N, C-alpha and C. Protein backbone atom coordinates (compact mmCIF):
# COMPACT_ATOMS: atom_id res chain seq x y z
N MET A 1 -66.66 -30.72 8.87
CA MET A 1 -66.59 -29.78 7.79
C MET A 1 -65.84 -28.52 8.21
N LEU A 2 -66.17 -28.07 9.40
CA LEU A 2 -65.50 -26.88 9.91
C LEU A 2 -64.00 -27.13 10.05
N LYS A 3 -63.61 -28.36 10.44
CA LYS A 3 -62.19 -28.70 10.54
C LYS A 3 -61.52 -28.60 9.18
N ARG A 4 -62.19 -29.08 8.14
CA ARG A 4 -61.61 -29.02 6.79
C ARG A 4 -61.43 -27.58 6.32
N VAL A 5 -62.40 -26.74 6.61
CA VAL A 5 -62.33 -25.33 6.21
C VAL A 5 -61.19 -24.64 6.95
N LEU A 6 -61.08 -24.88 8.25
CA LEU A 6 -59.99 -24.28 9.02
C LEU A 6 -58.63 -24.81 8.56
N LEU A 7 -58.54 -26.11 8.33
CA LEU A 7 -57.28 -26.70 7.85
C LEU A 7 -56.92 -26.17 6.48
N SER A 8 -57.86 -26.07 5.59
CA SER A 8 -57.63 -25.52 4.25
C SER A 8 -57.21 -24.06 4.34
N SER A 9 -57.85 -23.27 5.20
CA SER A 9 -57.50 -21.86 5.37
C SER A 9 -56.07 -21.72 5.90
N PHE A 10 -55.70 -22.57 6.86
CA PHE A 10 -54.36 -22.54 7.42
C PHE A 10 -53.32 -22.88 6.36
N LEU A 11 -53.55 -23.94 5.60
CA LEU A 11 -52.61 -24.34 4.56
C LEU A 11 -52.49 -23.26 3.50
N LEU A 12 -53.58 -22.68 3.07
CA LEU A 12 -53.55 -21.62 2.06
C LEU A 12 -52.81 -20.38 2.58
N SER A 13 -53.03 -20.03 3.84
CA SER A 13 -52.36 -18.84 4.38
C SER A 13 -50.85 -19.09 4.50
N THR A 14 -50.45 -20.32 4.85
CA THR A 14 -49.03 -20.66 4.93
C THR A 14 -48.39 -20.60 3.56
N VAL A 15 -49.03 -21.18 2.57
CA VAL A 15 -48.51 -21.17 1.19
C VAL A 15 -48.46 -19.74 0.69
N ALA A 16 -49.50 -18.97 0.96
CA ALA A 16 -49.54 -17.58 0.49
C ALA A 16 -48.41 -16.77 1.11
N THR A 17 -48.10 -17.00 2.38
CA THR A 17 -47.04 -16.27 3.05
C THR A 17 -45.69 -16.62 2.43
N ILE A 18 -45.44 -17.87 2.19
CA ILE A 18 -44.19 -18.30 1.59
C ILE A 18 -44.07 -17.78 0.17
N ALA A 19 -45.12 -17.81 -0.56
CA ALA A 19 -45.11 -17.35 -1.94
C ALA A 19 -44.89 -15.85 -2.03
N LEU A 20 -45.24 -15.11 -1.00
CA LEU A 20 -45.10 -13.66 -1.04
C LEU A 20 -43.73 -13.18 -0.54
N ALA A 21 -42.92 -14.05 0.05
CA ALA A 21 -41.59 -13.66 0.53
C ALA A 21 -40.70 -13.34 -0.66
N GLU A 22 -39.91 -12.29 -0.53
CA GLU A 22 -39.05 -11.86 -1.63
C GLU A 22 -37.78 -11.23 -1.05
N SER A 23 -36.67 -11.39 -1.76
CA SER A 23 -35.41 -10.74 -1.40
C SER A 23 -35.12 -9.68 -2.45
N ALA A 24 -34.75 -8.52 -2.02
CA ALA A 24 -34.42 -7.44 -2.95
C ALA A 24 -33.01 -6.97 -2.65
N PRO A 25 -32.03 -7.34 -3.47
CA PRO A 25 -30.65 -6.91 -3.20
C PRO A 25 -30.47 -5.41 -3.45
N ILE A 26 -29.58 -4.85 -2.68
CA ILE A 26 -29.17 -3.46 -2.88
C ILE A 26 -27.68 -3.50 -3.20
N THR A 27 -27.29 -2.95 -4.31
CA THR A 27 -25.90 -2.98 -4.75
C THR A 27 -25.36 -1.57 -4.88
N GLY A 28 -24.15 -1.39 -4.47
CA GLY A 28 -23.49 -0.09 -4.63
C GLY A 28 -22.06 -0.31 -5.07
N ILE A 29 -21.57 0.58 -5.88
CA ILE A 29 -20.18 0.50 -6.35
C ILE A 29 -19.45 1.73 -5.83
N VAL A 30 -18.37 1.50 -5.13
CA VAL A 30 -17.57 2.59 -4.60
C VAL A 30 -16.26 2.62 -5.38
N GLU A 31 -15.99 3.72 -6.00
CA GLU A 31 -14.73 3.87 -6.71
C GLU A 31 -13.70 4.48 -5.77
N SER A 32 -12.49 4.05 -5.92
CA SER A 32 -11.43 4.51 -5.03
C SER A 32 -11.22 6.01 -5.17
N LYS A 33 -11.06 6.66 -4.06
CA LYS A 33 -10.77 8.10 -4.03
C LYS A 33 -9.30 8.33 -3.72
N CYS A 34 -8.54 7.24 -3.63
CA CYS A 34 -7.10 7.30 -3.40
C CYS A 34 -6.46 6.22 -4.28
N VAL A 35 -5.64 6.65 -5.22
CA VAL A 35 -5.03 5.72 -6.17
C VAL A 35 -3.52 5.87 -6.09
N ILE A 36 -2.82 4.73 -6.15
CA ILE A 36 -1.36 4.72 -6.03
C ILE A 36 -0.75 4.24 -7.35
N PHE A 37 0.28 4.94 -7.79
CA PHE A 37 1.02 4.57 -9.00
C PHE A 37 2.51 4.52 -8.69
N THR A 38 3.22 3.63 -9.36
CA THR A 38 4.68 3.66 -9.33
C THR A 38 5.12 4.47 -10.54
N GLU A 39 5.67 5.63 -10.30
CA GLU A 39 6.11 6.48 -11.41
C GLU A 39 7.52 6.13 -11.87
N THR A 40 8.37 5.77 -10.92
CA THR A 40 9.75 5.41 -11.25
C THR A 40 10.11 4.15 -10.47
N ASN A 41 10.52 3.13 -11.17
CA ASN A 41 11.00 1.92 -10.49
C ASN A 41 12.39 2.18 -9.94
N GLY A 42 12.66 1.63 -8.78
CA GLY A 42 13.97 1.80 -8.16
C GLY A 42 15.01 0.88 -8.78
N VAL A 43 16.26 1.29 -8.68
CA VAL A 43 17.39 0.49 -9.16
C VAL A 43 18.49 0.59 -8.11
N TYR A 44 19.03 -0.56 -7.74
CA TYR A 44 20.16 -0.57 -6.82
C TYR A 44 21.46 -0.35 -7.58
N GLY A 45 22.27 0.57 -7.06
CA GLY A 45 23.64 0.70 -7.50
C GLY A 45 24.51 -0.04 -6.50
N ALA A 46 25.74 -0.34 -6.88
CA ALA A 46 26.65 -1.06 -5.98
C ALA A 46 27.92 -0.23 -5.79
N PRO A 47 27.87 0.76 -4.87
CA PRO A 47 29.04 1.62 -4.68
C PRO A 47 30.21 0.91 -4.01
N LEU A 48 29.90 -0.15 -3.26
CA LEU A 48 30.92 -0.98 -2.60
C LEU A 48 30.58 -2.44 -2.88
N ALA A 49 31.54 -3.30 -2.74
CA ALA A 49 31.31 -4.73 -2.98
C ALA A 49 30.30 -5.31 -1.98
N SER A 50 30.11 -4.65 -0.86
CA SER A 50 29.23 -5.17 0.20
C SER A 50 27.96 -4.33 0.38
N ARG A 51 27.67 -3.44 -0.56
CA ARG A 51 26.52 -2.53 -0.38
C ARG A 51 25.73 -2.38 -1.67
N LEU A 52 24.41 -2.32 -1.51
CA LEU A 52 23.50 -1.93 -2.58
C LEU A 52 22.75 -0.69 -2.10
N SER A 53 22.56 0.28 -3.00
CA SER A 53 21.94 1.54 -2.60
C SER A 53 21.17 2.14 -3.77
N THR A 54 20.01 2.76 -3.44
CA THR A 54 19.24 3.46 -4.47
C THR A 54 19.67 4.92 -4.59
N ALA A 55 20.63 5.37 -3.79
CA ALA A 55 21.07 6.76 -3.85
C ALA A 55 21.68 7.07 -5.22
N PRO A 56 21.27 8.17 -5.84
CA PRO A 56 21.86 8.54 -7.14
C PRO A 56 23.38 8.66 -7.10
N ALA A 57 23.94 9.13 -5.99
CA ALA A 57 25.39 9.25 -5.86
C ALA A 57 26.08 7.89 -5.88
N ASP A 58 25.30 6.82 -5.58
CA ASP A 58 25.85 5.46 -5.58
C ASP A 58 25.51 4.71 -6.87
N GLY A 59 24.98 5.43 -7.86
CA GLY A 59 24.61 4.79 -9.12
C GLY A 59 23.21 4.19 -9.12
N GLY A 60 22.44 4.48 -8.08
CA GLY A 60 21.09 3.93 -7.97
C GLY A 60 20.03 4.89 -8.45
N VAL A 61 18.80 4.40 -8.47
CA VAL A 61 17.63 5.21 -8.81
C VAL A 61 16.60 5.01 -7.71
N GLN A 62 16.15 6.11 -7.13
CA GLN A 62 15.15 6.02 -6.06
C GLN A 62 13.75 5.86 -6.66
N PRO A 63 12.98 4.91 -6.14
CA PRO A 63 11.62 4.77 -6.64
C PRO A 63 10.77 5.98 -6.24
N ILE A 64 9.86 6.36 -7.14
CA ILE A 64 8.92 7.44 -6.88
C ILE A 64 7.51 6.84 -6.89
N ILE A 65 6.81 7.02 -5.79
CA ILE A 65 5.45 6.50 -5.62
C ILE A 65 4.50 7.70 -5.59
N ARG A 66 3.46 7.65 -6.45
CA ARG A 66 2.51 8.76 -6.55
C ARG A 66 1.17 8.37 -5.93
N PHE A 67 0.65 9.25 -5.08
CA PHE A 67 -0.67 9.10 -4.49
C PHE A 67 -1.57 10.18 -5.09
N ASP A 68 -2.66 9.80 -5.72
CA ASP A 68 -3.67 10.74 -6.20
C ASP A 68 -4.88 10.60 -5.29
N VAL A 69 -5.20 11.67 -4.58
CA VAL A 69 -6.29 11.65 -3.60
C VAL A 69 -7.39 12.60 -4.08
N ALA A 70 -8.59 12.06 -4.26
CA ALA A 70 -9.72 12.85 -4.72
C ALA A 70 -10.59 13.37 -3.57
N LEU A 71 -10.43 12.78 -2.40
CA LEU A 71 -11.25 13.16 -1.24
C LEU A 71 -10.32 13.51 -0.07
N ALA A 72 -10.26 14.79 0.26
CA ALA A 72 -9.35 15.26 1.30
C ALA A 72 -9.73 14.71 2.68
N ASP A 73 -8.71 14.48 3.49
CA ASP A 73 -8.84 14.09 4.89
C ASP A 73 -9.64 12.80 5.10
N ALA A 74 -9.53 11.88 4.15
CA ALA A 74 -10.25 10.61 4.26
C ALA A 74 -9.31 9.41 4.26
N PHE A 75 -8.01 9.65 4.01
CA PHE A 75 -7.08 8.53 3.85
C PHE A 75 -5.76 8.78 4.57
N LEU A 76 -5.13 7.68 4.95
CA LEU A 76 -3.75 7.68 5.39
C LEU A 76 -2.94 7.00 4.29
N GLY A 77 -1.77 7.53 4.01
CA GLY A 77 -0.86 6.87 3.08
C GLY A 77 0.25 6.22 3.88
N ARG A 78 0.45 4.93 3.64
CA ARG A 78 1.53 4.20 4.31
C ARG A 78 2.50 3.69 3.27
N ILE A 79 3.78 4.01 3.49
CA ILE A 79 4.83 3.57 2.57
C ILE A 79 5.92 2.94 3.41
N SER A 80 6.34 1.74 3.01
CA SER A 80 7.39 1.02 3.74
C SER A 80 8.55 0.72 2.80
N TYR A 81 9.75 1.12 3.23
CA TYR A 81 10.93 0.75 2.46
C TYR A 81 11.27 -0.71 2.78
N PRO A 82 12.01 -1.39 1.89
CA PRO A 82 12.28 -2.82 2.07
C PRO A 82 13.15 -3.13 3.29
N THR A 83 12.91 -4.31 3.86
CA THR A 83 13.75 -4.82 4.94
C THR A 83 14.29 -6.21 4.59
N SER A 84 14.03 -6.64 3.36
CA SER A 84 14.55 -7.91 2.87
C SER A 84 14.40 -7.92 1.35
N PHE A 85 15.04 -8.88 0.74
CA PHE A 85 14.90 -9.06 -0.71
C PHE A 85 13.75 -10.00 -1.00
N SER A 86 12.99 -9.71 -2.04
CA SER A 86 11.95 -10.65 -2.47
C SER A 86 12.59 -11.74 -3.33
N SER A 87 13.72 -11.42 -3.95
CA SER A 87 14.51 -12.43 -4.65
C SER A 87 15.96 -11.95 -4.71
N SER A 88 16.87 -12.91 -4.58
CA SER A 88 18.30 -12.60 -4.61
C SER A 88 19.07 -13.91 -4.64
N PRO A 89 20.36 -13.84 -4.94
CA PRO A 89 21.19 -15.04 -4.77
C PRO A 89 21.21 -15.44 -3.29
N SER A 90 21.67 -16.60 -2.99
CA SER A 90 21.76 -17.06 -1.61
C SER A 90 22.70 -16.14 -0.83
N LEU A 91 22.20 -15.65 0.31
CA LEU A 91 22.98 -14.74 1.14
C LEU A 91 23.05 -15.28 2.57
N PRO A 92 24.06 -16.09 2.87
CA PRO A 92 24.14 -16.70 4.20
C PRO A 92 24.56 -15.72 5.30
N ASP A 93 25.14 -14.59 4.94
CA ASP A 93 25.62 -13.65 5.96
C ASP A 93 24.53 -12.63 6.29
N THR A 94 24.75 -11.80 7.28
CA THR A 94 23.80 -10.80 7.76
C THR A 94 23.55 -9.72 6.72
N GLN A 95 22.28 -9.36 6.58
CA GLN A 95 21.89 -8.26 5.70
C GLN A 95 21.27 -7.17 6.57
N THR A 96 21.77 -5.96 6.44
CA THR A 96 21.25 -4.84 7.21
C THR A 96 20.63 -3.83 6.26
N PHE A 97 19.31 -3.69 6.34
CA PHE A 97 18.59 -2.75 5.48
C PHE A 97 18.32 -1.46 6.24
N THR A 98 18.50 -0.34 5.55
CA THR A 98 18.10 0.96 6.05
C THR A 98 17.38 1.67 4.89
N GLY A 99 16.69 2.73 5.21
CA GLY A 99 15.99 3.46 4.16
C GLY A 99 15.26 4.67 4.71
N ASP A 100 14.52 5.32 3.82
CA ASP A 100 13.77 6.50 4.20
C ASP A 100 12.68 6.72 3.17
N VAL A 101 11.67 7.48 3.57
CA VAL A 101 10.60 7.91 2.68
C VAL A 101 10.42 9.39 2.91
N GLU A 102 10.35 10.16 1.82
CA GLU A 102 10.14 11.59 1.97
C GLU A 102 9.31 12.13 0.82
N VAL A 103 8.62 13.23 1.08
CA VAL A 103 7.82 13.88 0.04
C VAL A 103 8.77 14.39 -1.03
N HIS A 104 8.45 14.10 -2.27
CA HIS A 104 9.28 14.54 -3.40
C HIS A 104 8.67 15.77 -4.06
N THR A 105 7.40 15.69 -4.47
CA THR A 105 6.70 16.84 -5.04
C THR A 105 5.24 16.79 -4.61
N VAL A 106 4.59 17.96 -4.60
CA VAL A 106 3.18 18.06 -4.23
C VAL A 106 2.45 18.95 -5.24
N SER A 107 1.13 18.75 -5.34
CA SER A 107 0.33 19.56 -6.26
C SER A 107 -0.35 20.73 -5.56
N ASP A 108 -0.25 20.78 -4.23
CA ASP A 108 -0.93 21.82 -3.47
C ASP A 108 -0.04 22.22 -2.29
N VAL A 109 0.07 23.51 -2.05
CA VAL A 109 0.94 23.98 -0.95
C VAL A 109 0.44 23.51 0.41
N GLY A 110 -0.83 23.12 0.51
CA GLY A 110 -1.37 22.60 1.76
C GLY A 110 -0.73 21.28 2.18
N MET A 111 0.02 20.66 1.27
CA MET A 111 0.69 19.39 1.55
C MET A 111 2.11 19.60 2.09
N ALA A 112 2.50 20.83 2.26
CA ALA A 112 3.88 21.16 2.63
C ALA A 112 4.33 20.53 3.94
N ASP A 113 3.40 20.28 4.86
CA ASP A 113 3.77 19.73 6.17
C ASP A 113 3.69 18.21 6.23
N TYR A 114 3.43 17.54 5.13
CA TYR A 114 3.30 16.08 5.16
C TYR A 114 4.53 15.42 5.78
N ASP A 115 5.74 15.84 5.38
CA ASP A 115 6.96 15.23 5.93
C ASP A 115 7.13 15.55 7.41
N THR A 116 6.82 16.76 7.81
CA THR A 116 6.95 17.17 9.21
C THR A 116 5.98 16.41 10.10
N ASP A 117 4.76 16.17 9.59
CA ASP A 117 3.70 15.56 10.39
C ASP A 117 3.63 14.04 10.29
N LYS A 118 4.50 13.43 9.51
CA LYS A 118 4.40 11.97 9.33
C LYS A 118 4.73 11.22 10.61
N ILE A 119 4.22 10.00 10.67
CA ILE A 119 4.50 9.11 11.79
C ILE A 119 5.37 7.99 11.27
N GLU A 120 6.47 7.70 11.96
CA GLU A 120 7.38 6.64 11.55
C GLU A 120 7.37 5.51 12.57
N PHE A 121 7.25 4.29 12.08
CA PHE A 121 7.40 3.12 12.95
C PHE A 121 8.03 2.01 12.13
N ASP A 122 9.04 1.38 12.70
CA ASP A 122 9.84 0.37 12.01
C ASP A 122 10.32 0.96 10.68
N ASN A 123 9.98 0.31 9.57
CA ASN A 123 10.39 0.81 8.25
C ASN A 123 9.24 1.52 7.53
N THR A 124 8.16 1.84 8.26
CA THR A 124 6.96 2.41 7.66
C THR A 124 6.82 3.89 8.00
N HIS A 125 6.41 4.66 6.99
CA HIS A 125 6.14 6.08 7.16
C HIS A 125 4.67 6.28 6.84
N GLU A 126 3.93 6.90 7.77
CA GLU A 126 2.49 7.10 7.60
C GLU A 126 2.19 8.59 7.47
N TYR A 127 1.45 8.92 6.42
CA TYR A 127 1.11 10.30 6.12
C TYR A 127 -0.40 10.48 6.20
N ASP A 128 -0.84 11.54 6.86
CA ASP A 128 -2.25 11.89 6.89
C ASP A 128 -2.51 12.74 5.64
N LEU A 129 -3.21 12.17 4.68
CA LEU A 129 -3.44 12.83 3.39
C LEU A 129 -4.64 13.77 3.52
N THR A 130 -4.38 14.96 4.05
CA THR A 130 -5.43 15.91 4.41
C THR A 130 -5.88 16.80 3.27
N VAL A 131 -5.16 16.78 2.15
CA VAL A 131 -5.47 17.66 1.02
C VAL A 131 -5.68 16.81 -0.23
N ALA A 132 -6.70 17.14 -1.01
CA ALA A 132 -6.92 16.45 -2.28
C ALA A 132 -5.86 16.90 -3.28
N GLY A 133 -5.37 15.97 -4.06
CA GLY A 133 -4.36 16.28 -5.07
C GLY A 133 -3.34 15.16 -5.18
N THR A 134 -2.20 15.48 -5.77
CA THR A 134 -1.16 14.50 -6.05
C THR A 134 0.08 14.75 -5.18
N THR A 135 0.55 13.70 -4.57
CA THR A 135 1.80 13.76 -3.80
C THR A 135 2.71 12.65 -4.30
N ARG A 136 3.94 12.99 -4.59
CA ARG A 136 4.94 12.01 -4.99
C ARG A 136 5.92 11.83 -3.84
N PHE A 137 6.18 10.55 -3.51
CA PHE A 137 7.09 10.21 -2.44
C PHE A 137 8.32 9.53 -3.01
N LYS A 138 9.47 9.90 -2.48
CA LYS A 138 10.75 9.32 -2.90
C LYS A 138 11.19 8.36 -1.81
N VAL A 139 11.57 7.15 -2.22
CA VAL A 139 11.96 6.11 -1.27
C VAL A 139 13.44 5.80 -1.47
N SER A 140 14.17 5.72 -0.37
CA SER A 140 15.57 5.30 -0.46
C SER A 140 15.72 3.95 0.25
N SER A 141 16.63 3.17 -0.25
CA SER A 141 16.89 1.85 0.33
C SER A 141 18.39 1.56 0.21
N GLN A 142 18.92 1.01 1.28
CA GLN A 142 20.33 0.60 1.29
C GLN A 142 20.45 -0.72 2.03
N MET A 143 21.29 -1.59 1.52
CA MET A 143 21.54 -2.87 2.17
C MET A 143 23.04 -3.07 2.27
N ASP A 144 23.50 -3.33 3.51
CA ASP A 144 24.90 -3.65 3.75
C ASP A 144 24.98 -5.12 4.09
N TYR A 145 25.94 -5.79 3.48
CA TYR A 145 26.05 -7.24 3.60
C TYR A 145 27.23 -7.63 4.47
N GLY A 146 26.92 -8.40 5.52
CA GLY A 146 27.97 -8.94 6.39
C GLY A 146 28.89 -7.87 6.92
N ASP A 147 30.09 -8.26 7.24
CA ASP A 147 31.10 -7.33 7.72
C ASP A 147 32.00 -7.01 6.54
N THR A 148 31.48 -6.17 5.65
CA THR A 148 32.14 -5.79 4.39
C THR A 148 32.44 -6.99 3.50
N LYS A 149 31.58 -8.00 3.55
CA LYS A 149 31.73 -9.18 2.69
C LYS A 149 31.17 -8.86 1.30
N ALA A 150 31.84 -9.32 0.26
CA ALA A 150 31.39 -9.05 -1.11
C ALA A 150 30.09 -9.78 -1.41
N LEU A 151 29.18 -9.09 -2.08
CA LEU A 151 27.90 -9.68 -2.49
C LEU A 151 28.11 -10.63 -3.66
N PRO A 152 27.42 -11.76 -3.68
CA PRO A 152 27.52 -12.64 -4.84
C PRO A 152 26.84 -12.01 -6.06
N ALA A 153 27.32 -12.36 -7.24
CA ALA A 153 26.75 -11.85 -8.48
C ALA A 153 25.32 -12.36 -8.62
N GLY A 154 24.47 -11.54 -9.23
CA GLY A 154 23.09 -11.94 -9.46
C GLY A 154 22.15 -10.76 -9.45
N THR A 155 20.88 -11.04 -9.56
CA THR A 155 19.84 -10.01 -9.56
C THR A 155 19.22 -9.94 -8.17
N TYR A 156 19.11 -8.73 -7.66
CA TYR A 156 18.55 -8.48 -6.34
C TYR A 156 17.26 -7.66 -6.52
N THR A 157 16.18 -8.11 -5.92
CA THR A 157 14.91 -7.40 -6.00
C THR A 157 14.34 -7.21 -4.60
N ALA A 158 13.91 -5.99 -4.33
CA ALA A 158 13.24 -5.67 -3.06
C ALA A 158 11.98 -4.88 -3.39
N ILE A 159 11.00 -4.92 -2.51
CA ILE A 159 9.70 -4.33 -2.78
C ILE A 159 9.41 -3.18 -1.81
N VAL A 160 8.95 -2.06 -2.38
CA VAL A 160 8.42 -0.95 -1.59
C VAL A 160 6.91 -1.20 -1.49
N ASN A 161 6.37 -1.16 -0.29
CA ASN A 161 4.92 -1.34 -0.10
C ASN A 161 4.29 0.03 0.11
N ALA A 162 3.22 0.30 -0.64
CA ALA A 162 2.47 1.55 -0.49
C ALA A 162 0.99 1.22 -0.46
N GLU A 163 0.27 1.85 0.46
CA GLU A 163 -1.16 1.59 0.55
C GLU A 163 -1.91 2.82 1.03
N CYS A 164 -3.17 2.94 0.58
CA CYS A 164 -4.10 3.94 1.06
C CYS A 164 -5.01 3.26 2.06
N ILE A 165 -5.19 3.88 3.20
CA ILE A 165 -6.04 3.31 4.24
C ILE A 165 -7.13 4.32 4.55
N ALA A 166 -8.38 3.92 4.40
CA ALA A 166 -9.49 4.81 4.71
C ALA A 166 -9.51 5.09 6.20
N LYS A 167 -9.71 6.35 6.56
CA LYS A 167 -9.75 6.73 7.99
C LYS A 167 -11.12 6.40 8.56
């Protein structure tokens, strides 16, 4: 009898323990404090038969990328000018891409040193976004084809990459 009581007590305590286990999720939503917009799409002009350029003097339009930062000193802005086409006619000859990224306009004078303090590596420019507000960056891109070889007719598309990286 004592064995049955002990066995029953053990089984009931095991069932009771399992029945009392519960999971309680905790959910949080974080809204971005750094938002990127393309304000102006770039356009390549063709000043020479072997060159495409976003420079206004060459008939191009430089893309303008806007960073809106709500939380100061929490993000890095990285912008990369193109080093290849995402789509184009077949180009069997050498393509040489060059470009630049620079501050175009700022909403706060505290952003005045962004260009001076930027870090450049390969085709990427990294900015420490230390001030809350809006910064617009102007991107230039140029592609020279072959040894002054004429570019084939068609549509050429290249991509500027921009990202906010939490510090």
